[in-house]
């Protein structure tokens, strides 16, 4: 669920790079204020992008500030936060909770340490605040777990479950924008699921874990087939994205959804010796920041 939605730092102007960092630090600040210092361990680029998107869409007033933190204690850094950062902080906790459950299902790893305790305490607060949203996400997660245990080959059904989870996370409010945000989140969630499965397949085969790509990985044109599938999902995501009336940070967000999301894919292709040619994100680094 993590690590696929970020910037392509190589093609960003200095101002947009600084802006992304300010929003990233704003999310970190919101997590600490709402759920304590340990909750900062759930910080991700994925939810930073959500904060950026919603802040632009709803034109929310942001609080600007400067602070030092444990990661950067010497020089105070700029942060930008507000209601969208608070929501992204809540969703960071929610995602971390389900990532922990997924790890348990896949590898038998129970949550431990400061992060595990902080997430589980905070998750109860999030669930009380968003009972309907959490119920729908929980149902999608459980269905995905069932599909993976039962079959492991139903690609569309499994991808749809992650799509449903991200769709709910992207739809902040039940308003005029919710259908388009869900459409965008659903396609992005499918991309994330399929990209994750594509990256994990060799290890899953080696450890005899379920993976929905096992069957099509035997096709002679498997890698090109996967490229086309992933491109179709991101085309659906960006089509919804372009229908949103966004002005602030639009160039930065286009960098993310047209290039940054392909960073891990490009890195993986290079690692596996798969020609990139004119593949999306061929110049994007794996680690964008």
Protein backbone atom coordinates (compact mmCIF):
# COMPACT_ATOMS: atom_id res chain seq x y z
CA UNK A 1 0.00 0.00 0.00
CA UNK A 2 2.97 2.30 0.46
CA UNK A 3 5.78 3.73 -1.56
CA UNK A 4 4.32 4.09 -5.04
CA UNK A 5 2.92 7.63 -4.88
CA UNK A 6 5.62 10.28 -4.73
CA UNK A 7 7.34 13.02 -6.72
CA UNK A 8 9.93 12.83 -9.47
CA UNK A 9 12.43 15.18 -7.86
CA UNK A 10 14.61 15.31 -10.97
CA UNK A 11 12.01 17.22 -12.95
CA UNK A 12 10.70 19.54 -10.23
CA UNK A 13 11.56 23.21 -9.95
CA UNK A 14 13.07 24.30 -6.66
CA UNK A 15 9.85 25.98 -5.46
CA UNK A 16 7.71 22.87 -6.02
CA UNK A 17 10.29 20.67 -4.32
CA UNK A 18 10.25 22.98 -1.28
CA UNK A 19 6.44 23.04 -1.32
CA UNK A 20 6.22 19.25 -1.22
CA UNK A 21 8.61 19.14 1.71
CA UNK A 22 6.55 21.75 3.57
CA UNK A 23 3.39 19.67 3.11
CA UNK A 24 5.28 16.51 4.12
CA UNK A 25 6.48 18.22 7.29
CA UNK A 26 2.97 19.56 7.86
CA UNK A 27 1.59 16.03 7.87
CA UNK A 28 4.32 14.98 10.28
CA UNK A 29 3.40 17.92 12.53
CA UNK A 30 -0.31 17.02 12.41
CA UNK A 31 0.42 13.39 13.34
CA UNK A 32 2.41 14.44 16.39
CA UNK A 33 -0.24 16.91 17.55
CA UNK A 34 -3.12 14.48 17.08
CA UNK A 35 -1.58 11.16 18.09
CA UNK A 36 1.78 11.75 19.78
CA UNK A 37 5.39 11.57 18.67
CA UNK A 38 5.40 7.83 17.94
CA UNK A 39 2.65 8.27 15.33
CA UNK A 40 5.17 10.14 13.16
CA UNK A 41 6.50 6.69 12.25
CA UNK A 42 3.42 6.29 10.01
CA UNK A 43 4.42 9.29 7.88
CA UNK A 44 4.41 8.57 4.13
CA UNK A 45 4.65 10.36 0.80
CA UNK A 46 1.38 8.67 -0.19
CA UNK A 47 -0.66 10.57 2.40
CA UNK A 48 1.36 13.73 1.79
CA UNK A 49 0.08 13.61 -1.79
CA UNK A 50 -3.48 13.18 -0.51
CA UNK A 51 -3.07 16.26 1.70
CA UNK A 52 -1.71 18.23 -1.25
CA UNK A 53 -4.60 17.18 -3.51
CA UNK A 54 -7.38 17.90 -1.02
CA UNK A 55 -5.86 21.20 0.07
CA UNK A 56 -5.88 22.37 -3.54
CA UNK A 57 -9.34 21.04 -4.30
CA UNK A 58 -11.03 22.56 -1.25
CA UNK A 59 -8.80 25.64 -1.18
CA UNK A 60 -8.28 25.18 2.54
CA UNK A 61 -6.46 27.86 4.53
CA UNK A 62 -3.14 26.49 5.74
CA UNK A 63 -1.18 27.20 8.89
CA UNK A 64 2.45 27.99 8.11
CA UNK A 65 5.20 27.50 10.64
CA UNK A 66 8.77 26.45 11.35
CA UNK A 67 10.02 23.84 13.78
CA UNK A 68 12.83 21.43 14.55
CA UNK A 69 12.25 17.71 14.92
CA UNK A 70 14.19 14.57 15.85
CA UNK A 71 15.02 13.89 12.21
CA UNK A 72 16.23 17.45 11.52
CA UNK A 73 17.13 18.93 14.91
CA UNK A 74 19.66 21.59 13.89
CA UNK A 75 17.86 23.85 11.45
CA UNK A 76 14.17 24.72 11.78
CA UNK A 77 12.20 23.71 8.69
CA UNK A 78 9.04 25.07 7.16
CA UNK A 79 5.74 23.20 7.43
CA UNK A 80 2.23 23.76 6.06
CA UNK A 81 -0.79 22.13 7.64
CA UNK A 82 -4.52 22.58 8.20
CA UNK A 83 -7.75 20.54 8.05
CA UNK A 84 -6.46 18.48 5.11
CA UNK A 85 -3.32 17.60 7.06
CA UNK A 86 -5.49 16.51 9.98
CA UNK A 87 -7.51 14.25 7.69
CA UNK A 88 -4.35 12.87 6.04
CA UNK A 89 -2.97 12.15 9.53
CA UNK A 90 -6.13 10.18 10.38
CA UNK A 91 -5.82 8.22 7.13
CA UNK A 92 -2.12 7.59 7.83
CA UNK A 93 -3.14 5.84 11.03
CA UNK A 94 -5.85 3.89 9.24
CA UNK A 95 -3.48 2.73 6.48
CA UNK A 96 -0.79 1.77 8.99
CA UNK A 97 -3.33 -0.33 10.89
CA UNK A 98 -4.32 -2.30 7.79
CA UNK A 99 -0.70 -2.58 6.63
CA UNK A 100 0.02 -4.22 9.98
CA UNK A 101 -2.87 -6.66 9.51
CA UNK A 102 -1.64 -7.41 5.99
CA UNK A 103 1.86 -8.15 7.30
CA UNK A 104 0.37 -10.52 9.85
CA UNK A 105 -1.62 -12.33 7.16
CA UNK A 106 1.36 -12.60 4.79
CA UNK A 107 4.23 -13.26 7.16
CA UNK A 108 2.78 -13.78 10.63
CA UNK A 109 4.36 -10.57 11.93
CA UNK A 110 2.37 -9.02 14.76
CA UNK A 111 2.66 -5.26 15.37
CA UNK A 112 5.43 -4.45 17.81
CA UNK A 113 7.43 -1.58 19.19
CA UNK A 114 6.45 2.05 19.54
CA UNK A 115 4.86 2.26 16.11
CA UNK A 116 2.61 -0.74 16.66
CA UNK A 117 1.36 0.48 20.03
CA UNK A 118 0.84 4.05 18.78
CA UNK A 119 -1.09 2.89 15.70
CA UNK A 120 -3.43 0.57 17.54
CA UNK A 121 -4.28 3.19 20.17
CA UNK A 122 -4.86 5.87 17.55
CA UNK A 123 -6.85 3.57 15.27
CA UNK A 124 -9.67 3.34 17.81
CA UNK A 125 -9.98 7.13 17.71
CA UNK A 126 -10.02 7.13 13.89
CA UNK A 127 -12.65 4.39 13.78
CA UNK A 128 -14.91 6.32 16.15
CA UNK A 129 -14.54 9.44 14.00
CA UNK A 130 -15.21 7.71 10.64
CA UNK A 131 -17.36 4.66 11.43
CA UNK A 132 -18.92 4.27 7.97
CA UNK A 133 -15.68 4.84 6.10
CA UNK A 134 -13.82 2.39 8.33
CA UNK A 135 -16.57 -0.22 7.95
CA UNK A 136 -16.34 -0.07 4.15
CA UNK A 137 -12.54 -0.22 4.23
CA UNK A 138 -12.62 -3.12 6.67
CA UNK A 139 -15.00 -5.04 4.40
CA UNK A 140 -12.73 -4.48 1.38
CA UNK A 141 -9.66 -5.57 3.33
CA UNK A 142 -11.34 -8.75 4.55
CA UNK A 143 -12.55 -9.57 1.05
CA UNK A 144 -9.03 -9.14 -0.28
CA UNK A 145 -7.66 -11.46 2.40
CA UNK A 146 -10.30 -14.05 1.53
CA UNK A 147 -9.54 -13.84 -2.19
CA UNK A 148 -5.81 -14.25 -1.66
CA UNK A 149 -6.28 -17.29 0.57
CA UNK A 150 -8.95 -18.87 -1.60
CA UNK A 151 -7.59 -18.45 -5.09
CA UNK A 152 -4.65 -16.10 -5.56
CA UNK A 153 -5.41 -15.79 -9.26
CA UNK A 154 -8.40 -13.45 -9.43
CA UNK A 155 -6.46 -10.34 -10.39
CA UNK A 156 -9.37 -7.96 -10.99
CA UNK A 157 -11.26 -8.88 -7.82
CA UNK A 158 -8.17 -8.52 -5.62
CA UNK A 159 -7.15 -5.22 -7.25
CA UNK A 160 -10.69 -3.92 -6.81
CA UNK A 161 -10.40 -4.41 -3.05
CA UNK A 162 -7.39 -2.13 -2.76
CA UNK A 163 -9.13 0.21 -5.19
CA UNK A 164 -12.11 0.36 -2.84
CA UNK A 165 -9.85 1.15 0.13
CA UNK A 166 -8.04 4.03 -1.60
CA UNK A 167 -11.33 5.30 -3.03
CA UNK A 168 -12.71 5.67 0.50
CA UNK A 169 -9.55 7.37 1.69
CA UNK A 170 -9.58 9.87 -1.19
CA UNK A 171 -13.25 10.79 -0.67
CA UNK A 172 -12.82 13.12 2.30
CA UNK A 173 -16.39 14.43 2.36
CA UNK A 174 -19.67 13.17 0.94
CA UNK A 175 -20.10 16.09 -1.44
CA UNK A 176 -20.04 17.06 -5.11
CA UNK A 177 -16.39 16.01 -5.50
CA UNK A 178 -16.70 12.62 -3.78
CA UNK A 179 -17.61 10.56 -6.92
CA UNK A 180 -14.62 11.86 -8.89
CA UNK A 181 -12.27 11.46 -5.91
CA UNK A 182 -13.48 7.88 -5.47
CA UNK A 183 -12.98 7.22 -9.18
CA UNK A 184 -9.45 8.58 -8.97
CA UNK A 185 -8.67 6.69 -5.77
CA UNK A 186 -10.12 3.44 -7.14
CA UNK A 187 -7.87 3.49 -10.21
CA UNK A 188 -4.86 4.52 -8.14
CA UNK A 189 -5.57 1.75 -5.64
CA UNK A 190 -5.72 -0.82 -8.42
CA UNK A 191 -2.40 0.47 -9.76
CA UNK A 192 -0.83 0.23 -6.30
CA UNK A 193 -2.09 -3.32 -5.78
CA UNK A 194 -0.90 -4.53 -9.19
CA UNK A 195 2.45 -2.75 -8.88
CA UNK A 196 2.97 -4.27 -5.43
CA UNK A 197 2.10 -7.75 -6.74
CA UNK A 198 4.45 -7.26 -9.71
CA UNK A 199 7.30 -6.23 -7.44
CA UNK A 200 6.68 -9.02 -4.92
CA UNK A 201 6.15 -11.91 -7.35
CA UNK A 202 9.71 -13.38 -7.32
CA UNK A 203 9.82 -13.40 -3.51
CA UNK A 204 6.27 -14.75 -3.29
CA UNK A 205 7.11 -17.63 -5.63
CA UNK A 206 10.27 -18.40 -3.68
CA UNK A 207 8.43 -18.42 -0.34
CA UNK A 208 5.29 -20.08 -1.75
CA UNK A 209 3.05 -17.14 -0.88
CA UNK A 210 -0.11 -16.30 -2.86
CA UNK A 211 0.19 -13.78 -5.67
CA UNK A 212 -2.51 -13.07 -8.27
CA UNK A 213 0.08 -12.64 -11.03
CA UNK A 214 1.38 -16.21 -10.92
CA UNK A 215 -0.72 -17.32 -13.89
CA UNK A 216 -0.04 -14.45 -16.29
CA UNK A 217 3.64 -14.40 -15.30
CA UNK A 218 3.96 -17.58 -17.39
CA UNK A 219 2.99 -15.64 -20.53
CA UNK A 220 5.83 -14.94 -22.91
CA UNK A 221 5.03 -11.23 -23.00
CA UNK A 222 4.32 -10.95 -19.26
CA UNK A 223 6.39 -7.81 -18.60
CA UNK A 224 4.93 -5.90 -21.53
CA UNK A 225 1.44 -7.09 -20.59
CA UNK A 226 1.92 -5.77 -17.06
CA UNK A 227 3.18 -2.45 -18.40
CA UNK A 228 0.02 -2.03 -20.46
CA UNK A 229 -2.21 -2.95 -17.50
CA UNK A 230 -0.45 -0.47 -15.20
CA UNK A 231 -0.62 2.27 -17.82
CA UNK A 232 -4.37 1.74 -18.25
CA UNK A 233 -4.94 2.09 -14.50
CA UNK A 234 -2.95 5.33 -14.32
CA UNK A 235 -4.72 6.67 -17.40
CA UNK A 236 -8.03 6.15 -15.57
CA UNK A 237 -6.59 7.83 -12.46
CA UNK A 238 -5.28 10.88 -14.31
CA UNK A 239 -8.50 11.20 -16.35
CA UNK A 240 -10.39 11.64 -13.06
CA UNK A 241 -7.65 13.90 -11.68
CA UNK A 242 -7.93 16.25 -14.66
CA UNK A 243 -11.68 16.66 -14.06
CA UNK A 244 -11.06 18.19 -10.64
CA UNK A 245 -10.97 22.03 -10.52
CA UNK A 246 -7.41 22.27 -9.22
CA UNK A 247 -5.28 25.40 -9.43
CA UNK A 248 -2.88 25.54 -6.49
CA UNK A 249 0.06 23.11 -6.81
CA UNK A 250 -1.26 21.78 -10.12
CA UNK A 251 2.21 21.50 -11.72
CA UNK A 252 3.49 19.66 -8.66
CA UNK A 253 0.58 17.21 -8.69
CA UNK A 254 0.97 16.53 -12.39
CA UNK A 255 4.60 15.69 -11.67
CA UNK A 256 3.36 13.15 -9.13
CA UNK A 257 0.56 11.46 -11.07
CA UNK A 258 2.22 11.45 -14.49
CA UNK A 259 5.80 10.72 -13.46
CA UNK A 260 6.45 10.23 -9.74
CA UNK A 261 4.15 7.21 -9.46
CA UNK A 262 6.34 5.42 -12.02
CA UNK A 263 9.59 5.76 -10.06
CA UNK A 264 9.50 2.33 -8.45
CA UNK A 265 8.41 0.74 -11.72
CA UNK A 266 11.35 2.24 -13.60
CA UNK A 267 13.76 1.19 -10.86
CA UNK A 268 12.35 -2.34 -10.91
CA UNK A 269 12.67 -2.61 -14.70
CA UNK A 270 16.31 -1.52 -14.52
CA UNK A 271 16.97 -4.02 -11.74
CA UNK A 272 15.42 -6.87 -13.76
CA UNK A 273 16.98 -5.86 -17.06
CA UNK A 274 13.65 -5.01 -18.70
CA UNK A 275 14.03 -2.40 -21.47
CA UNK A 276 12.28 0.84 -20.59
CA UNK A 277 12.32 2.43 -24.06
CA UNK A 278 9.56 5.07 -23.78
CA UNK A 279 7.97 3.61 -20.66
CA UNK A 280 6.37 6.09 -18.21
CA UNK A 281 8.71 7.45 -15.58
CA UNK A 282 11.86 6.05 -17.19
CA UNK A 283 13.87 8.94 -15.75
CA UNK A 284 12.22 8.87 -12.32
CA UNK A 285 14.33 7.70 -9.37
CA UNK A 286 12.99 5.01 -7.02
CA UNK A 287 13.52 7.25 -3.99
CA UNK A 288 12.13 10.62 -4.95
CA UNK A 289 13.20 12.56 -1.87
